[in-house]
Amino acid sequence: MKVLSVFSGIYSLGLVIMPVFLIILGLLLVGFVSFLFRTVVPTNMVHIVQSQKKTVSYGTGQEAGNVYYQWPSWIPIIGVTTIKLPVSNFDLSFKDYEAYDKDRVPFMLDITAFFRIADTNKAAQRVSSIDELHQQIKAIIQGAVRKILASHDINTVMTDRATFGDQFTKEVKEELENWGIEPVKNIELMDIRDSKSSTVIADIMAKKSSQITMESRIEVAKNNKEAEVAEIEARQVVDIRKQEADELVGKRTAEKEKAVGIAQQQSEQEINIEKAKTTEKEKEVEKVRKVRDAEIAKEAAIVVANQEKETAILIADGELEATKRESQGIEAKGRAEAEAEKAKQLAPVQAQIELAKEIGKNQEYQNYLILLEFAKAYITVGSEQAKALQDADVKIIANGGSAQAGVKNTLDLFSANGGLAIGSMLEAIKNTPQGEKFFESLKGLFEKQTPSS
């Protein structure tokens, strides 16, 4: 029993949920389909929608707006058909359109017209597409053009193009209202020319050209004639006026000469009086000028004298300063030369003084000098002894066992061994009272020969 109650509850719940689900699914399906068939009309277009009961125009500026649902026409009740027409201006041109005048003279012309759809509902009732509308409008224009041109001659057509354009527009305007179309501007007759088998327009143009040439020449001749007559009349008037002017000029000249003569006499009298006054004034001016020149010359002389005085003072000051500078230069030069000569003469003395200072400070160098002098003295003594020995009868006694050994011992005095022996001998002499006095005397001798500082 419990299982049956559960299934019964589920079944009851399903009966409640199912309709809601179906409703939601239906709404979603309707929304999707609506999205597929929703149409937005472009700005320069109008869509005329024909439903089962009425015709409605959709587009910018239309009462119904510019959005509608384009349900397919096979759907009952809501299905629609649509005609799409532009609301912008469009032009229609006729190139090489053949026409005739009232005398059946053939010619060709070019026509351009500009229109717009004023009543889209009317246009939709007449045509099913914009191309079909163009064809019908062209047919209307061709009929109007042919009708109007056939009632005039070719000369009138050629000379009054603007008038014919206005007539074309008026002729088609009323009829185009039945299509919901209105012209934007007058139809323009752009060009007119001969057809392939006709030369009428060329002949008319040649005739017109020759007529214009004739009229121009006649007008030129007429103008030349009138100009020549006018020139003759003008010369006559000029001659008469010239004679009258000469007569008047003669009278005026005589009167002028008379007045001039009188005026000249009066002027000369006044000039003489003024000359006398001027001469007197010139004398006074000359006197004042001479006095002024004298004063100026005096002042100039004073200025020149002062300038010369100041110049002389400046020159004297300059010469004095130059002399001082020259004497100072000579003094400085002499002082420098004296200092240089003094330094030159003192240089050897200064060198000896410095040498003596160094010798006095260096005991070993003093000993070296003493030994050097002693060696010089020894060499001198040896030389003198050799000279004496040369003249003397000296015999060398060799204790070494042979004469060569004895001579060798004697020659050792002049070898390194002999030098050491001499050094030892001098050291031994220095350590004796007599030797010390000898060396002190030699030292005093060197100090006398070396100048002191």
Protein backbone atom coordinates (compact mmCIF):
# COMPACT_ATOMS: atom_id res chain seq x y z
CA MET A 1 0.00 0.00 0.00
CA LYS A 2 2.86 2.35 0.77
CA VAL A 3 4.40 1.77 -2.69
CA LEU A 4 1.14 2.63 -4.39
CA SER A 5 0.82 5.82 -2.41
CA VAL A 6 4.35 6.89 -3.45
CA PHE A 7 3.64 6.26 -7.15
CA SER A 8 0.37 8.10 -6.77
CA GLY A 9 2.18 11.12 -5.31
CA ILE A 10 4.78 11.16 -8.10
CA TYR A 11 2.07 10.95 -10.73
CA SER A 12 0.17 13.86 -9.17
CA LEU A 13 3.38 15.96 -9.06
CA GLY A 14 4.10 15.16 -12.72
CA LEU A 15 0.63 16.31 -13.67
CA VAL A 16 1.39 19.68 -12.02
CA ILE A 17 4.96 20.19 -13.36
CA MET A 18 4.37 19.10 -16.97
CA PRO A 19 2.12 22.00 -18.03
CA VAL A 20 4.54 24.52 -16.53
CA PHE A 21 7.42 22.91 -18.40
CA LEU A 22 5.51 22.93 -21.64
CA ILE A 23 4.60 26.60 -21.20
CA ILE A 24 8.24 27.57 -20.57
CA LEU A 25 9.40 25.49 -23.54
CA GLY A 26 6.79 27.14 -25.73
CA LEU A 27 7.82 30.61 -24.65
CA LEU A 28 11.47 29.85 -25.39
CA LEU A 29 10.55 28.48 -28.80
CA VAL A 30 8.45 31.55 -29.61
CA GLY A 31 11.28 33.84 -28.50
CA PHE A 32 13.82 32.00 -30.67
CA VAL A 33 11.56 32.07 -33.72
CA SER A 34 10.79 35.74 -33.15
CA PHE A 35 14.52 36.47 -33.01
CA LEU A 36 15.01 34.70 -36.33
CA PHE A 37 12.32 36.72 -38.15
CA ARG A 38 12.89 40.09 -36.47
CA THR A 39 13.88 42.69 -39.10
CA VAL A 40 15.39 46.19 -38.60
CA VAL A 41 14.91 48.50 -41.60
CA PRO A 42 18.08 50.39 -42.73
CA THR A 43 18.10 54.19 -42.52
CA ASN A 44 17.73 54.87 -46.25
CA MET A 45 15.10 52.18 -46.90
CA VAL A 46 11.38 51.63 -46.37
CA HIS A 47 9.83 48.18 -46.11
CA ILE A 48 6.15 48.04 -47.14
CA VAL A 49 4.66 45.07 -45.25
CA GLN A 50 1.40 43.61 -46.59
CA SER A 51 -0.45 41.42 -44.09
CA GLN A 52 -3.86 39.76 -44.34
CA LYS A 53 -5.74 42.93 -43.41
CA LYS A 54 -3.52 46.02 -43.96
CA THR A 55 -0.42 47.57 -45.51
CA VAL A 56 2.14 49.22 -43.17
CA SER A 57 5.40 51.06 -43.98
CA TYR A 58 8.37 50.51 -41.69
CA GLY A 59 11.47 52.67 -41.68
CA THR A 60 13.12 55.79 -40.24
CA GLY A 61 10.49 58.50 -39.68
CA GLN A 62 7.54 56.14 -40.27
CA GLU A 63 4.70 56.01 -37.75
CA ALA A 64 5.02 52.23 -37.30
CA GLY A 65 8.76 52.52 -36.51
CA ASN A 66 11.60 50.66 -38.20
CA VAL A 67 11.32 47.17 -36.66
CA TYR A 68 8.88 44.41 -37.66
CA TYR A 69 8.64 40.60 -37.85
CA GLN A 70 8.91 39.22 -41.36
CA TRP A 71 6.80 36.09 -40.95
CA PRO A 72 6.80 33.88 -44.02
CA SER A 73 3.75 34.41 -46.22
CA TRP A 74 2.77 30.69 -46.01
CA ILE A 75 2.06 30.99 -42.27
CA PRO A 76 -1.70 31.51 -41.83
CA ILE A 77 -3.00 34.77 -40.34
CA ILE A 78 0.43 36.29 -39.42
CA GLY A 79 2.25 35.65 -42.73
CA VAL A 80 3.29 38.83 -44.65
CA THR A 81 4.81 39.91 -47.96
CA THR A 82 7.41 42.71 -48.15
CA ILE A 83 8.40 45.28 -50.79
CA LYS A 84 11.70 47.09 -50.15
CA LEU A 85 12.08 50.58 -51.59
CA PRO A 86 14.80 53.23 -51.03
CA VAL A 87 13.77 56.60 -49.59
CA SER A 88 17.01 58.36 -50.68
CA ASN A 89 17.18 60.37 -53.89
CA PHE A 90 17.80 58.39 -57.08
CA ASP A 91 18.55 59.55 -60.60
CA LEU A 92 17.42 58.36 -64.01
CA SER A 93 19.44 59.18 -67.13
CA PHE A 94 18.59 58.92 -70.82
CA LYS A 95 21.63 58.70 -73.08
CA ASP A 96 21.28 59.15 -76.86
CA TYR A 97 17.50 59.32 -76.67
CA GLU A 98 16.07 59.86 -80.18
CA ALA A 99 13.29 62.42 -80.63
CA TYR A 100 11.61 64.57 -83.35
CA ASP A 101 10.50 68.17 -83.55
CA LYS A 102 7.19 69.32 -84.98
CA ASP A 103 8.64 69.09 -88.52
CA ARG A 104 9.81 65.51 -87.94
CA VAL A 105 13.45 66.56 -87.85
CA PRO A 106 15.35 63.80 -86.03
CA PHE A 107 17.87 64.54 -83.30
CA MET A 108 19.33 62.95 -80.18
CA LEU A 109 19.47 64.26 -76.64
CA ASP A 110 20.65 63.40 -73.11
CA ILE A 111 18.32 63.84 -70.13
CA THR A 112 18.94 63.50 -66.38
CA ALA A 113 16.25 63.54 -63.68
CA PHE A 114 16.30 63.19 -59.88
CA PHE A 115 13.39 61.74 -57.87
CA ARG A 116 12.47 60.33 -54.47
CA ILE A 117 9.65 58.16 -53.12
CA ALA A 118 7.23 60.44 -51.29
CA ASP A 119 4.45 57.89 -50.59
CA THR A 120 5.84 54.41 -50.13
CA ASN A 121 2.40 52.80 -49.81
CA LYS A 122 1.36 54.12 -53.25
CA ALA A 123 4.64 52.98 -54.75
CA ALA A 124 4.20 49.54 -53.25
CA GLN A 125 0.75 49.28 -54.79
CA ARG A 126 2.13 50.09 -58.24
CA VAL A 127 5.35 48.03 -58.34
CA SER A 128 6.94 45.06 -56.66
CA SER A 129 10.61 46.25 -56.80
CA ILE A 130 12.67 49.34 -57.26
CA ASP A 131 13.86 48.19 -60.71
CA GLU A 132 10.29 47.92 -61.89
CA LEU A 133 9.62 51.40 -60.50
CA HIS A 134 12.57 52.80 -62.47
CA GLN A 135 11.32 51.28 -65.70
CA GLN A 136 7.85 52.72 -65.26
CA ILE A 137 9.19 56.20 -64.41
CA LYS A 138 11.44 56.11 -67.48
CA ALA A 139 8.46 55.29 -69.65
CA ILE A 140 6.51 58.22 -68.19
CA ILE A 141 9.45 60.62 -68.80
CA GLN A 142 10.00 59.42 -72.35
CA GLY A 143 6.34 59.99 -73.17
CA ALA A 144 6.37 63.50 -71.72
CA VAL A 145 9.62 64.42 -73.52
CA ARG A 146 8.41 63.09 -76.86
CA LYS A 147 5.09 64.92 -76.51
CA ILE A 148 6.63 68.31 -75.65
CA LEU A 149 9.47 68.21 -78.20
CA ALA A 150 7.07 67.24 -81.00
CA SER A 151 5.24 70.54 -80.57
CA HIS A 152 8.33 72.76 -81.10
CA ASP A 153 10.91 73.24 -83.83
CA ILE A 154 14.54 72.34 -83.43
CA ASN A 155 15.69 75.98 -83.17
CA THR A 156 13.50 76.57 -80.14
CA VAL A 157 14.68 73.36 -78.51
CA MET A 158 18.32 74.38 -78.98
CA THR A 159 17.92 77.88 -77.59
CA ASP A 160 15.55 77.25 -74.66
CA ARG A 161 16.92 74.20 -72.86
CA ALA A 162 16.07 75.48 -69.39
CA THR A 163 12.47 76.17 -70.44
CA PHE A 164 12.08 72.65 -71.75
CA GLY A 165 13.46 71.15 -68.57
CA ASP A 166 10.79 73.01 -66.61
CA GLN A 167 8.10 71.82 -69.03
CA PHE A 168 9.25 68.19 -68.75
CA THR A 169 9.04 68.38 -64.95
CA LYS A 170 5.55 69.89 -64.92
CA GLU A 171 4.35 67.33 -67.45
CA VAL A 172 5.43 64.30 -65.38
CA LYS A 173 4.87 65.69 -61.88
CA GLU A 174 1.14 65.11 -61.72
CA GLU A 175 1.36 61.66 -63.25
CA LEU A 176 4.22 60.56 -60.96
CA GLU A 177 2.09 61.41 -57.92
CA ASN A 178 0.02 58.33 -58.74
CA TRP A 179 3.17 56.26 -58.14
CA GLY A 180 3.99 58.11 -54.91
CA ILE A 181 7.03 59.73 -56.61
CA GLU A 182 8.01 63.40 -56.68
CA PRO A 183 10.88 65.14 -58.54
CA VAL A 184 13.72 66.53 -56.44
CA LYS A 185 14.64 69.12 -59.07
CA ASN A 186 13.71 70.01 -62.65
CA ILE A 187 14.52 67.51 -65.35
CA GLU A 188 17.63 68.71 -67.14
CA LEU A 189 18.15 68.66 -70.91
CA MET A 190 21.90 67.99 -70.82
CA ASP A 191 22.78 67.90 -74.55
CA ILE A 192 21.19 67.95 -78.00
CA ARG A 193 22.90 66.81 -81.21
CA ASP A 194 22.31 65.32 -84.66
CA SER A 195 21.31 61.73 -85.07
CA LYS A 196 23.53 59.48 -87.12
CA SER A 197 21.63 60.14 -90.38
CA SER A 198 21.03 63.90 -89.92
CA THR A 199 23.08 67.13 -90.11
CA VAL A 200 20.27 69.52 -89.30
CA ILE A 201 21.72 70.74 -86.02
CA ALA A 202 25.15 71.21 -87.60
CA ASP A 203 23.55 73.20 -90.44
CA ILE A 204 21.59 75.28 -87.98
CA MET A 205 24.75 75.96 -86.03
CA ALA A 206 26.60 76.94 -89.22
CA LYS A 207 23.70 79.19 -90.23
CA LYS A 208 23.61 80.70 -86.80
CA SER A 209 27.35 81.18 -86.86
CA SER A 210 27.23 82.92 -90.25
CA GLN A 211 24.29 85.02 -89.10
CA ILE A 212 26.18 86.02 -86.02
CA THR A 213 29.19 86.91 -88.20
CA MET A 214 26.99 89.00 -90.50
CA GLU A 215 25.28 90.76 -87.66
CA SER A 216 28.62 91.32 -86.02
CA ARG A 217 30.12 92.87 -89.16
CA ILE A 218 27.03 95.05 -89.70
CA GLU A 219 27.16 96.15 -86.12
CA VAL A 220 30.88 96.82 -86.37
CA ALA A 221 30.40 98.88 -89.56
CA LYS A 222 27.56 100.79 -87.96
CA ASN A 223 29.62 101.41 -84.90
CA ASN A 224 32.60 102.52 -87.03
CA LYS A 225 30.35 104.93 -88.94
CA GLU A 226 28.87 106.38 -85.81
CA ALA A 227 32.32 106.60 -84.29
CA GLU A 228 33.73 108.45 -87.33
CA VAL A 229 30.78 110.91 -87.38
CA ALA A 230 31.19 111.43 -83.69
CA GLU A 231 34.90 112.06 -84.19
CA ILE A 232 34.18 114.70 -86.92
CA GLU A 233 31.62 116.43 -84.76
CA ALA A 234 33.97 116.26 -81.84
CA ARG A 235 36.79 117.82 -83.90
CA GLN A 236 34.45 120.65 -85.00
CA VAL A 237 33.44 121.33 -81.47
CA VAL A 238 37.06 121.16 -80.39
CA ASP A 239 38.17 123.63 -83.11
CA ILE A 240 35.43 126.09 -82.18
CA ARG A 241 36.19 125.78 -78.55
CA LYS A 242 39.89 126.18 -79.33
CA GLN A 243 39.28 129.45 -81.24
CA GLU A 244 37.11 130.77 -78.45
CA ALA A 245 39.74 129.75 -76.00
CA ASP A 246 42.50 131.47 -78.02
CA GLU A 247 40.45 134.68 -78.16
CA LEU A 248 39.76 134.54 -74.46
CA VAL A 249 43.38 133.70 -73.79
CA GLY A 250 44.52 136.72 -75.85
CA LYS A 251 42.31 139.06 -73.89
CA ARG A 252 43.33 137.56 -70.67
CA THR A 253 47.01 137.68 -71.73
CA ALA A 254 46.83 141.43 -72.52
CA GLU A 255 45.12 142.17 -69.26
CA LYS A 256 47.63 140.02 -67.50
CA GLU A 257 50.62 141.75 -69.17
CA LYS A 258 49.20 145.14 -68.24
CA ALA A 259 48.64 144.09 -64.67
CA VAL A 260 52.01 142.45 -64.63
CA GLY A 261 53.74 145.63 -65.88
CA ILE A 262 52.06 147.74 -63.23
CA ALA A 263 52.82 145.16 -60.64
CA GLN A 264 56.45 145.00 -61.78
CA GLN A 265 56.87 148.79 -61.42
CA GLN A 266 55.34 148.74 -57.99
CA SER A 267 57.38 145.72 -57.13
CA GLU A 268 60.65 147.36 -58.25
CA GLN A 269 59.87 150.42 -56.13
CA GLU A 270 59.12 148.29 -53.14
CA ILE A 271 62.19 146.20 -53.88
CA ASN A 272 64.46 149.27 -53.90
CA ILE A 273 63.01 150.41 -50.58
CA GLU A 274 63.46 146.96 -49.15
CA LYS A 275 66.99 146.80 -50.59
CA ALA A 276 67.92 149.97 -48.71
CA LYS A 277 66.46 148.56 -45.52
CA THR A 278 68.17 145.29 -46.17
CA THR A 279 71.54 146.97 -46.80
CA GLU A 280 71.28 148.84 -43.52
CA LYS A 281 70.33 145.68 -41.68
CA GLU A 282 73.13 143.78 -43.41
CA LYS A 283 75.66 146.38 -42.17
CA GLU A 284 74.36 145.98 -38.64
CA VAL A 285 74.46 142.24 -38.97
CA GLU A 286 78.03 142.40 -40.38
CA LYS A 287 79.10 144.57 -37.46
CA VAL A 288 77.57 142.18 -34.97
CA ARG A 289 79.13 139.26 -36.84
CA LYS A 290 82.63 140.82 -36.74
CA VAL A 291 82.34 141.48 -33.01
CA ARG A 292 81.14 137.98 -32.48
CA ASP A 293 83.93 136.56 -34.66
CA ALA A 294 86.49 138.50 -32.62
CA GLU A 295 85.06 137.15 -29.38
CA ILE A 296 85.02 133.63 -30.82
CA ALA A 297 88.64 134.01 -32.03
CA LYS A 298 89.67 135.29 -28.58
CA GLU A 299 87.97 132.38 -26.84
CA ALA A 300 89.50 129.97 -29.35
CA ALA A 301 93.00 131.43 -28.76
CA ILE A 302 92.53 131.05 -24.99
CA VAL A 303 91.41 127.48 -25.45
CA VAL A 304 94.39 126.74 -27.73
CA ALA A 305 96.81 128.33 -25.24
CA ASN A 306 95.36 126.30 -22.40
CA GLN A 307 95.60 123.17 -24.52
CA GLU A 308 99.24 123.89 -25.41
CA LYS A 309 100.01 124.59 -21.74
CA GLU A 310 98.41 121.37 -20.59
CA THR A 311 100.10 119.49 -23.44
CA ALA A 312 103.51 120.89 -22.45
CA ILE A 313 102.91 119.93 -18.83
CA LEU A 314 101.87 116.43 -19.83
CA ILE A 315 104.93 116.10 -22.12
CA ALA A 316 107.25 117.33 -19.34
CA ASP A 317 105.65 114.97 -16.84
CA GLY A 318 106.00 112.17 -19.33
CA GLU A 319 109.68 112.94 -20.02
CA LEU A 320 110.39 113.22 -16.28
CA GLU A 321 108.68 109.91 -15.63
CA ALA A 322 110.57 108.34 -18.54
CA THR A 323 113.88 109.68 -17.20
CA LYS A 324 113.07 108.29 -13.75
CA ARG A 325 112.13 104.97 -15.22
CA GLU A 326 115.32 104.91 -17.33
CA SER A 327 117.55 105.74 -14.35
CA GLN A 328 115.78 103.15 -12.25
CA GLY A 329 116.30 100.65 -15.08
CA ILE A 330 120.01 101.50 -15.34
CA GLU A 331 120.37 101.25 -11.55
CA ALA A 332 118.57 97.92 -11.48
CA LYS A 333 120.66 96.66 -14.39
CA GLY A 334 123.93 97.70 -12.70
CA ARG A 335 122.84 96.19 -9.44
CA ALA A 336 121.97 92.96 -11.21
CA GLU A 337 125.28 92.89 -13.09
CA ALA A 338 127.19 93.55 -9.82
CA GLU A 339 125.29 90.81 -8.07
CA ALA A 340 126.02 88.48 -10.96
CA GLU A 341 129.74 89.34 -10.97
CA LYS A 342 129.87 88.94 -7.22
CA ALA A 343 128.17 85.60 -7.43
CA LYS A 344 130.54 84.60 -10.25
CA GLN A 345 133.62 85.49 -8.21
CA LEU A 346 132.29 83.95 -5.02
CA ALA A 347 131.37 80.68 -6.70
CA PRO A 348 134.91 79.07 -6.48
CA VAL A 349 135.44 80.44 -2.96
CA GLN A 350 132.05 79.15 -1.92
CA ALA A 351 132.92 75.78 -3.44
CA GLN A 352 136.21 75.69 -1.48
CA ILE A 353 134.39 76.71 1.68
CA GLU A 354 131.90 73.94 1.22
CA LEU A 355 134.74 71.51 0.45
CA ALA A 356 136.61 72.57 3.60
CA LYS A 357 133.46 72.15 5.67
CA GLU A 358 133.02 68.66 4.30
CA ILE A 359 136.73 67.82 4.88
CA GLY A 360 136.56 69.15 8.47
CA LYS A 361 133.59 66.93 9.18
CA ASN A 362 135.05 63.77 7.53
CA GLN A 363 138.01 62.34 9.52
CA GLU A 364 138.58 59.47 7.13
CA TYR A 365 138.79 61.86 4.16
CA GLN A 366 141.30 63.98 6.12
CA ASN A 367 143.39 60.88 6.71
CA TYR A 368 143.15 60.06 3.03
CA LEU A 369 144.39 63.53 2.07
CA ILE A 370 147.25 63.27 4.58
CA LEU A 371 148.28 59.91 3.19
CA LEU A 372 147.98 61.30 -0.31
CA GLU A 373 150.31 64.19 0.54
CA PHE A 374 152.60 61.82 2.37
CA ALA A 375 152.66 59.55 -0.69
CA LYS A 376 153.48 62.54 -2.89
CA ALA A 377 156.27 63.49 -0.51
CA TYR A 378 157.44 59.91 -0.37
CA ILE A 379 157.46 59.67 -4.16
CA THR A 380 159.42 62.93 -4.34
CA VAL A 381 161.89 61.68 -1.78
CA GLY A 382 162.10 58.35 -3.57
CA SER A 383 162.76 60.07 -6.85
CA GLU A 384 165.45 62.17 -5.35
CA GLN A 385 166.91 59.10 -3.67
CA ALA A 386 166.81 57.24 -6.97
CA LYS A 387 168.65 60.09 -8.62
CA ALA A 388 171.10 60.04 -5.78
CA LEU A 389 171.40 56.30 -5.99
CA GLN A 390 171.95 56.60 -9.70
CA ASP A 391 174.97 58.73 -9.13
CA ALA A 392 176.02 56.78 -6.01
CA ASP A 393 177.69 53.47 -5.83
CA VAL A 394 174.98 51.46 -4.05
CA LYS A 395 175.22 47.85 -3.41
CA ILE A 396 172.23 45.64 -2.66
CA ILE A 397 172.98 42.92 -0.19
CA ALA A 398 170.59 40.10 -0.65
CA ASN A 399 170.02 37.96 2.38
CA GLY A 400 167.62 35.78 0.54
CA GLY A 401 170.32 33.66 -0.86
CA SER A 402 170.43 35.20 -4.35
CA ALA A 403 170.68 38.64 -6.06
CA GLN A 404 167.26 38.24 -7.59
CA ALA A 405 165.67 37.73 -4.19
CA GLY A 406 167.34 40.84 -2.85
CA VAL A 407 166.21 42.95 -5.79
CA LYS A 408 162.75 41.50 -5.43
CA ASN A 409 162.55 42.59 -1.79
CA THR A 410 163.58 46.04 -2.80
CA LEU A 411 160.93 46.25 -5.56
CA ASP A 412 158.25 45.10 -3.12
CA LEU A 413 158.23 48.67 -1.90
CA PHE A 414 156.29 49.57 -5.06
CA SER A 415 153.75 46.73 -4.79
CA ALA A 416 150.58 46.19 -2.70
CA ASN A 417 152.68 44.55 -0.03
CA GLY A 418 154.94 47.52 -0.04
CA GLY A 419 151.91 49.81 0.31
CA LEU A 420 150.66 47.90 3.33
CA ALA A 421 154.08 48.03 4.80
CA ILE A 422 154.24 51.80 4.25
CA GLY A 423 150.75 52.14 5.84
CA SER A 424 151.87 50.16 8.84
CA MET A 425 154.98 52.30 9.08
CA LEU A 426 152.91 55.54 8.97
CA GLU A 427 150.56 54.28 11.64
CA ALA A 428 153.53 53.37 13.80
CA ILE A 429 155.04 56.83 13.19
CA LYS A 430 151.74 58.53 14.12
CA ASN A 431 151.65 56.74 17.43
CA THR A 432 154.99 58.21 18.37
CA PRO A 433 155.22 61.79 19.80
CA GLN A 434 157.38 62.90 16.92
CA GLY A 435 155.08 61.34 14.36
CA GLU A 436 152.01 62.95 15.93
CA LYS A 437 153.67 66.40 15.76
CA PHE A 438 154.55 65.71 12.14
CA PHE A 439 151.00 64.91 11.23
CA GLU A 440 149.65 67.98 13.19
CA SER A 441 151.99 70.20 11.22
CA LEU A 442 150.73 68.71 7.96
CA LYS A 443 147.15 69.27 9.08
CA GLY A 444 147.89 72.92 9.90
CA LEU A 445 149.45 73.30 6.50
CA PHE A 446 146.25 72.04 4.79
CA GLU A 447 144.07 74.36 6.90
CA LYS A 448 146.13 77.40 5.84
CA GLN A 449 145.83 76.48 2.20
CA THR A 450 141.99 76.02 2.46
CA PRO A 451 140.09 79.37 2.99
CA SER A 452 137.82 79.47 6.03
CA SER A 453 134.13 80.34 5.95
